[in-house]
Amino acid sequence: MFDYLSSRGVDPARVSSIGHGELKPIADNTTAEGRQLNRRVMLIRTDSGM
């Protein structure tokens, strides 16, 4: 996602990327459905005042 945003004109200095890998799953990794749920990208705007 980082590369995609920077290739679309977003200043790389304004983007950060954190990979949690197996440390913070949101579902059980022992099932195919759980592994699918754990493959995700989250975008969080920090300049929107929220």
N, C-alpha and C. Protein backbone atom coordinates (compact mmCIF):
# COMPACT_ATOMS: atom_id res chain seq x y z
N MET A 1 0.83 -1.18 0.00
CA MET A 1 0.00 0.00 0.00
C MET A 1 0.88 1.25 0.00
N PHE A 2 1.98 1.20 0.75
CA PHE A 2 2.90 2.33 0.81
C PHE A 2 3.38 2.70 -0.60
N ASP A 3 3.84 1.70 -1.34
CA ASP A 3 4.34 1.94 -2.70
C ASP A 3 3.23 2.46 -3.61
N TYR A 4 2.04 1.91 -3.47
CA TYR A 4 0.91 2.35 -4.29
C TYR A 4 0.60 3.83 -4.03
N LEU A 5 0.51 4.22 -2.77
CA LEU A 5 0.18 5.61 -2.45
C LEU A 5 1.26 6.57 -2.94
N SER A 6 2.52 6.21 -2.73
CA SER A 6 3.58 7.10 -3.18
C SER A 6 3.63 7.18 -4.70
N SER A 7 3.28 6.09 -5.40
CA SER A 7 3.26 6.14 -6.86
C SER A 7 2.11 6.98 -7.38
N ARG A 8 1.12 7.25 -6.54
CA ARG A 8 -0.03 8.07 -6.91
C ARG A 8 0.11 9.52 -6.44
N GLY A 9 1.32 9.89 -5.98
CA GLY A 9 1.57 11.29 -5.66
C GLY A 9 1.52 11.65 -4.19
N VAL A 10 1.25 10.69 -3.32
CA VAL A 10 1.26 10.98 -1.88
C VAL A 10 2.71 11.06 -1.43
N ASP A 11 3.06 12.12 -0.74
CA ASP A 11 4.41 12.33 -0.25
C ASP A 11 4.80 11.18 0.69
N PRO A 12 5.85 10.42 0.38
CA PRO A 12 6.25 9.30 1.23
C PRO A 12 6.56 9.70 2.67
N ALA A 13 6.92 10.95 2.90
CA ALA A 13 7.20 11.42 4.26
C ALA A 13 5.92 11.47 5.10
N ARG A 14 4.76 11.44 4.43
CA ARG A 14 3.48 11.50 5.15
C ARG A 14 2.85 10.13 5.35
N VAL A 15 3.55 9.08 4.95
CA VAL A 15 3.00 7.72 5.02
C VAL A 15 3.92 6.87 5.89
N SER A 16 3.32 6.04 6.73
CA SER A 16 4.12 5.08 7.48
C SER A 16 3.51 3.70 7.29
N SER A 17 4.33 2.70 7.44
CA SER A 17 3.91 1.33 7.23
C SER A 17 4.37 0.49 8.41
N ILE A 18 3.46 -0.30 8.97
CA ILE A 18 3.79 -1.17 10.09
C ILE A 18 3.27 -2.56 9.76
N GLY A 19 4.13 -3.55 9.80
CA GLY A 19 3.71 -4.93 9.57
C GLY A 19 3.66 -5.68 10.89
N HIS A 20 2.54 -6.30 11.18
CA HIS A 20 2.41 -7.04 12.43
C HIS A 20 2.58 -8.54 12.23
N GLY A 21 2.48 -8.99 10.99
CA GLY A 21 2.68 -10.41 10.71
C GLY A 21 1.84 -11.30 11.60
N GLU A 22 2.47 -12.24 12.25
CA GLU A 22 1.77 -13.21 13.10
C GLU A 22 1.55 -12.69 14.52
N LEU A 23 2.02 -11.49 14.82
CA LEU A 23 1.93 -10.99 16.20
C LEU A 23 0.54 -10.54 16.61
N LYS A 24 -0.25 -10.03 15.67
CA LYS A 24 -1.57 -9.47 16.01
C LYS A 24 -2.67 -9.97 15.07
N PRO A 25 -2.92 -11.26 15.06
CA PRO A 25 -4.01 -11.75 14.21
C PRO A 25 -5.36 -11.33 14.77
N ILE A 26 -6.33 -11.15 13.88
CA ILE A 26 -7.69 -10.83 14.33
C ILE A 26 -8.59 -12.05 14.30
N ALA A 27 -8.06 -13.15 13.74
CA ALA A 27 -8.83 -14.40 13.65
C ALA A 27 -7.88 -15.56 13.87
N ASP A 28 -8.44 -16.75 14.01
CA ASP A 28 -7.69 -17.97 14.25
C ASP A 28 -6.93 -18.38 12.99
N ASN A 29 -5.64 -18.58 13.09
CA ASN A 29 -4.83 -18.96 11.93
C ASN A 29 -4.88 -20.44 11.61
N THR A 30 -5.63 -21.23 12.37
CA THR A 30 -5.69 -22.67 12.10
C THR A 30 -6.71 -23.03 11.05
N THR A 31 -7.52 -22.06 10.61
CA THR A 31 -8.52 -22.33 9.57
C THR A 31 -8.24 -21.45 8.36
N ALA A 32 -8.68 -21.90 7.20
CA ALA A 32 -8.49 -21.11 5.97
C ALA A 32 -9.23 -19.78 6.06
N GLU A 33 -10.43 -19.81 6.65
CA GLU A 33 -11.19 -18.57 6.80
C GLU A 33 -10.47 -17.59 7.72
N GLY A 34 -9.93 -18.08 8.81
CA GLY A 34 -9.20 -17.21 9.73
C GLY A 34 -7.96 -16.62 9.09
N ARG A 35 -7.22 -17.41 8.33
CA ARG A 35 -6.04 -16.89 7.64
C ARG A 35 -6.42 -15.83 6.62
N GLN A 36 -7.55 -16.03 5.94
CA GLN A 36 -8.02 -15.03 4.99
C GLN A 36 -8.35 -13.72 5.69
N LEU A 37 -8.99 -13.80 6.85
CA LEU A 37 -9.32 -12.59 7.60
C LEU A 37 -8.07 -11.87 8.09
N ASN A 38 -7.01 -12.61 8.34
CA ASN A 38 -5.78 -12.00 8.84
C ASN A 38 -4.95 -11.33 7.75
N ARG A 39 -5.27 -11.59 6.49
CA ARG A 39 -4.58 -10.90 5.39
C ARG A 39 -5.32 -9.61 5.13
N ARG A 40 -4.78 -8.52 5.63
CA ARG A 40 -5.51 -7.26 5.53
C ARG A 40 -4.56 -6.08 5.50
N VAL A 41 -5.07 -4.98 5.01
CA VAL A 41 -4.37 -3.69 5.02
C VAL A 41 -5.32 -2.70 5.64
N MET A 42 -4.83 -1.92 6.57
CA MET A 42 -5.66 -0.90 7.21
C MET A 42 -5.07 0.46 6.92
N LEU A 43 -5.90 1.38 6.48
CA LEU A 43 -5.48 2.76 6.25
C LEU A 43 -6.13 3.63 7.33
N ILE A 44 -5.32 4.44 7.99
CA ILE A 44 -5.82 5.31 9.04
C ILE A 44 -5.37 6.73 8.74
N ARG A 45 -6.34 7.59 8.50
CA ARG A 45 -6.02 9.02 8.29
C ARG A 45 -5.80 9.66 9.64
N THR A 46 -4.70 10.37 9.76
CA THR A 46 -4.42 11.04 11.02
C THR A 46 -4.60 12.55 10.94
N ASP A 47 -4.91 13.05 9.74
CA ASP A 47 -5.07 14.49 9.59
C ASP A 47 -6.53 14.91 9.46
N SER A 48 -7.47 13.98 9.69
CA SER A 48 -8.86 14.29 9.44
C SER A 48 -9.59 14.86 10.67
N GLY A 49 -8.90 14.99 11.78
CA GLY A 49 -9.53 15.53 12.97
C GLY A 49 -10.38 14.55 13.74
N MET A 50 -10.33 13.29 13.37
CA MET A 50 -11.11 12.26 14.04
C MET A 50 -10.37 11.68 15.23
